[in-house]
N, C-alpha and C. Protein backbone atom coordinates (compact mmCIF):
# COMPACT_ATOMS: atom_id res chain seq x y z
N MET A 1 0.84 -1.18 0.00
CA MET A 1 0.00 0.00 0.00
C MET A 1 0.89 1.24 0.00
N ALA A 2 0.59 2.16 -0.86
CA ALA A 2 1.36 3.39 -1.00
C ALA A 2 1.02 4.37 0.12
N MET A 3 1.93 5.29 0.37
CA MET A 3 1.70 6.35 1.36
C MET A 3 1.31 7.63 0.65
N LYS A 4 0.53 8.44 1.32
CA LYS A 4 0.18 9.76 0.80
C LYS A 4 1.25 10.76 1.22
N ALA A 5 1.47 11.75 0.36
CA ALA A 5 2.45 12.79 0.67
C ALA A 5 2.11 13.49 1.98
N ALA A 6 0.84 13.71 2.23
CA ALA A 6 0.41 14.39 3.46
C ALA A 6 0.79 13.57 4.70
N ASP A 7 0.74 12.24 4.59
CA ASP A 7 1.13 11.39 5.73
C ASP A 7 2.62 11.47 5.99
N ILE A 8 3.41 11.50 4.93
CA ILE A 8 4.86 11.62 5.07
C ILE A 8 5.20 12.95 5.74
N GLU A 9 4.59 14.02 5.24
CA GLU A 9 4.84 15.35 5.80
C GLU A 9 4.42 15.40 7.27
N ARG A 10 3.27 14.84 7.60
CA ARG A 10 2.78 14.85 8.98
C ARG A 10 3.76 14.15 9.92
N MET A 11 4.25 12.98 9.51
CA MET A 11 5.19 12.23 10.36
C MET A 11 6.48 13.00 10.60
N ILE A 12 6.98 13.63 9.54
CA ILE A 12 8.22 14.40 9.68
C ILE A 12 7.98 15.60 10.59
N ARG A 13 6.87 16.29 10.40
CA ARG A 13 6.56 17.47 11.24
C ARG A 13 6.34 17.08 12.71
N GLU A 14 5.80 15.91 12.96
CA GLU A 14 5.61 15.46 14.34
C GLU A 14 6.96 15.28 15.04
N ALA A 15 7.94 14.74 14.29
CA ALA A 15 9.27 14.49 14.87
C ALA A 15 10.13 15.76 14.88
N LEU A 16 9.93 16.61 13.89
CA LEU A 16 10.72 17.84 13.76
C LEU A 16 9.76 19.01 13.57
N PRO A 17 9.09 19.45 14.64
CA PRO A 17 8.03 20.46 14.50
C PRO A 17 8.48 21.80 13.94
N ASP A 18 9.77 22.11 14.06
CA ASP A 18 10.26 23.39 13.56
C ASP A 18 10.73 23.32 12.10
N ALA A 19 10.58 22.16 11.48
CA ALA A 19 11.11 21.95 10.13
C ALA A 19 10.22 22.54 9.04
N LYS A 20 10.88 22.94 7.98
CA LYS A 20 10.19 23.28 6.73
C LYS A 20 10.25 22.00 5.90
N VAL A 21 9.11 21.52 5.46
CA VAL A 21 9.04 20.23 4.76
C VAL A 21 8.33 20.41 3.42
N GLU A 22 8.96 19.89 2.38
CA GLU A 22 8.34 19.88 1.05
C GLU A 22 8.41 18.45 0.52
N ILE A 23 7.27 17.91 0.12
CA ILE A 23 7.19 16.55 -0.42
C ILE A 23 6.72 16.63 -1.86
N ARG A 24 7.39 15.91 -2.75
CA ARG A 24 7.00 15.85 -4.16
C ARG A 24 6.85 14.39 -4.58
N ASP A 25 5.75 14.08 -5.25
CA ASP A 25 5.53 12.74 -5.79
C ASP A 25 6.25 12.69 -7.14
N LEU A 26 7.30 11.89 -7.22
CA LEU A 26 8.15 11.88 -8.42
C LEU A 26 7.55 11.13 -9.59
N ALA A 27 6.77 10.09 -9.32
CA ALA A 27 6.28 9.24 -10.40
C ALA A 27 4.76 9.23 -10.51
N GLY A 28 4.08 9.90 -9.60
CA GLY A 28 2.63 9.92 -9.63
C GLY A 28 2.00 8.62 -9.15
N ASP A 29 2.80 7.77 -8.53
CA ASP A 29 2.30 6.45 -8.11
C ASP A 29 2.17 6.30 -6.60
N GLY A 30 2.53 7.35 -5.85
CA GLY A 30 2.45 7.28 -4.40
C GLY A 30 3.52 6.42 -3.76
N ASP A 31 4.50 5.98 -4.54
CA ASP A 31 5.58 5.14 -4.02
C ASP A 31 6.96 5.79 -4.11
N HIS A 32 7.09 6.79 -4.95
CA HIS A 32 8.39 7.41 -5.20
C HIS A 32 8.28 8.91 -4.93
N TYR A 33 8.89 9.34 -3.84
CA TYR A 33 8.81 10.74 -3.43
C TYR A 33 10.19 11.36 -3.31
N ALA A 34 10.20 12.68 -3.34
CA ALA A 34 11.37 13.47 -2.98
C ALA A 34 10.93 14.35 -1.82
N ALA A 35 11.80 14.48 -0.83
CA ALA A 35 11.50 15.32 0.32
C ALA A 35 12.67 16.26 0.58
N THR A 36 12.33 17.51 0.85
CA THR A 36 13.30 18.48 1.31
C THR A 36 12.90 18.85 2.72
N VAL A 37 13.83 18.69 3.66
CA VAL A 37 13.56 18.97 5.06
C VAL A 37 14.66 19.91 5.57
N ILE A 38 14.23 21.09 6.03
CA ILE A 38 15.16 22.08 6.55
C ILE A 38 14.78 22.35 7.99
N SER A 39 15.74 22.14 8.90
CA SER A 39 15.42 22.27 10.32
C SER A 39 16.62 22.77 11.12
N PRO A 40 16.37 23.64 12.09
CA PRO A 40 17.44 24.04 12.99
C PRO A 40 18.00 22.85 13.79
N ALA A 41 17.22 21.80 13.95
CA ALA A 41 17.67 20.61 14.68
C ALA A 41 18.85 19.93 13.99
N PHE A 42 19.06 20.22 12.72
CA PHE A 42 20.15 19.60 11.96
C PHE A 42 21.48 20.34 12.12
N LYS A 43 21.44 21.50 12.77
CA LYS A 43 22.65 22.32 12.86
C LYS A 43 23.80 21.54 13.50
N GLY A 44 24.93 21.53 12.81
CA GLY A 44 26.13 20.87 13.31
C GLY A 44 26.16 19.37 13.10
N LEU A 45 25.11 18.81 12.52
CA LEU A 45 25.06 17.36 12.30
C LEU A 45 25.47 17.01 10.88
N PRO A 46 26.17 15.89 10.71
CA PRO A 46 26.49 15.44 9.35
C PRO A 46 25.22 15.00 8.62
N LYS A 47 25.28 15.00 7.30
CA LYS A 47 24.12 14.62 6.48
C LYS A 47 23.58 13.25 6.87
N VAL A 48 24.45 12.31 7.16
CA VAL A 48 24.01 10.96 7.52
C VAL A 48 23.09 11.01 8.73
N LYS A 49 23.47 11.77 9.75
CA LYS A 49 22.65 11.89 10.97
C LYS A 49 21.34 12.61 10.66
N GLN A 50 21.39 13.64 9.82
CA GLN A 50 20.17 14.35 9.43
C GLN A 50 19.19 13.39 8.76
N HIS A 51 19.70 12.60 7.84
CA HIS A 51 18.86 11.64 7.13
C HIS A 51 18.30 10.59 8.09
N GLN A 52 19.13 10.13 9.01
CA GLN A 52 18.66 9.15 10.00
C GLN A 52 17.51 9.70 10.83
N MET A 53 17.56 10.97 11.15
CA MET A 53 16.48 11.59 11.92
C MET A 53 15.18 11.60 11.12
N VAL A 54 15.27 11.87 9.83
CA VAL A 54 14.07 11.87 8.99
C VAL A 54 13.54 10.45 8.84
N TYR A 55 14.42 9.50 8.58
CA TYR A 55 13.97 8.10 8.45
C TYR A 55 13.33 7.61 9.74
N ALA A 56 13.88 8.00 10.88
CA ALA A 56 13.29 7.61 12.16
C ALA A 56 11.88 8.18 12.30
N ALA A 57 11.69 9.39 11.79
CA ALA A 57 10.37 10.02 11.85
C ALA A 57 9.33 9.24 11.05
N LEU A 58 9.78 8.50 10.06
CA LEU A 58 8.87 7.74 9.20
C LEU A 58 8.47 6.41 9.82
N ARG A 59 8.97 6.13 10.99
CA ARG A 59 8.55 4.99 11.82
C ARG A 59 8.52 3.65 11.09
N GLY A 60 9.58 3.32 10.39
CA GLY A 60 9.68 2.01 9.77
C GLY A 60 8.94 1.85 8.46
N ASN A 61 8.38 2.92 7.92
CA ASN A 61 7.65 2.81 6.65
C ASN A 61 8.55 2.77 5.42
N MET A 62 9.82 3.19 5.58
CA MET A 62 10.74 3.13 4.44
C MET A 62 10.94 1.67 4.02
N GLY A 63 10.85 1.42 2.74
CA GLY A 63 11.04 0.07 2.23
C GLY A 63 9.76 -0.76 2.28
N GLY A 64 8.75 -0.24 2.92
CA GLY A 64 7.46 -0.93 3.00
C GLY A 64 6.42 -0.10 2.27
N ALA A 65 5.60 0.61 3.03
CA ALA A 65 4.57 1.47 2.44
C ALA A 65 5.19 2.58 1.61
N LEU A 66 6.38 2.99 1.99
CA LEU A 66 7.10 4.03 1.24
C LEU A 66 8.29 3.37 0.55
N HIS A 67 8.18 3.21 -0.76
CA HIS A 67 9.18 2.47 -1.52
C HIS A 67 10.47 3.25 -1.71
N ALA A 68 10.38 4.54 -2.09
CA ALA A 68 11.58 5.30 -2.38
C ALA A 68 11.40 6.75 -1.96
N LEU A 69 12.45 7.30 -1.34
CA LEU A 69 12.43 8.69 -0.91
C LEU A 69 13.79 9.32 -1.21
N ALA A 70 13.80 10.25 -2.15
CA ALA A 70 15.00 11.03 -2.43
C ALA A 70 15.02 12.16 -1.42
N LEU A 71 16.00 12.17 -0.54
CA LEU A 71 15.99 13.06 0.61
C LEU A 71 17.07 14.13 0.52
N THR A 72 16.65 15.37 0.73
CA THR A 72 17.57 16.50 0.83
C THR A 72 17.32 17.14 2.18
N THR A 73 18.38 17.33 2.96
CA THR A 73 18.24 17.96 4.26
C THR A 73 19.23 19.11 4.38
N ALA A 74 18.89 20.06 5.26
CA ALA A 74 19.78 21.18 5.54
C ALA A 74 19.40 21.77 6.89
N ALA A 75 20.40 22.41 7.51
CA ALA A 75 20.14 23.13 8.75
C ALA A 75 19.69 24.53 8.39
N GLU A 76 18.80 25.06 9.19
CA GLU A 76 18.31 26.42 8.95
C GLU A 76 19.15 27.39 9.73
């Protein structure tokens, strides 16, 4: 079952309430998304840790309900 962009955004915002989040459906199939997440919480953290924080926010849905996520993160 595919995930809705609004659900992805909601989960990320719950974990990172101060984040600016943009979700784009890349293929129109609800399985392939791109996300840009900008948050002060990322300040001083390497990209790997930033990405881990976003994946943790998705609560295990990566690889299941959410097939692919092209992720861009930055500190604000």
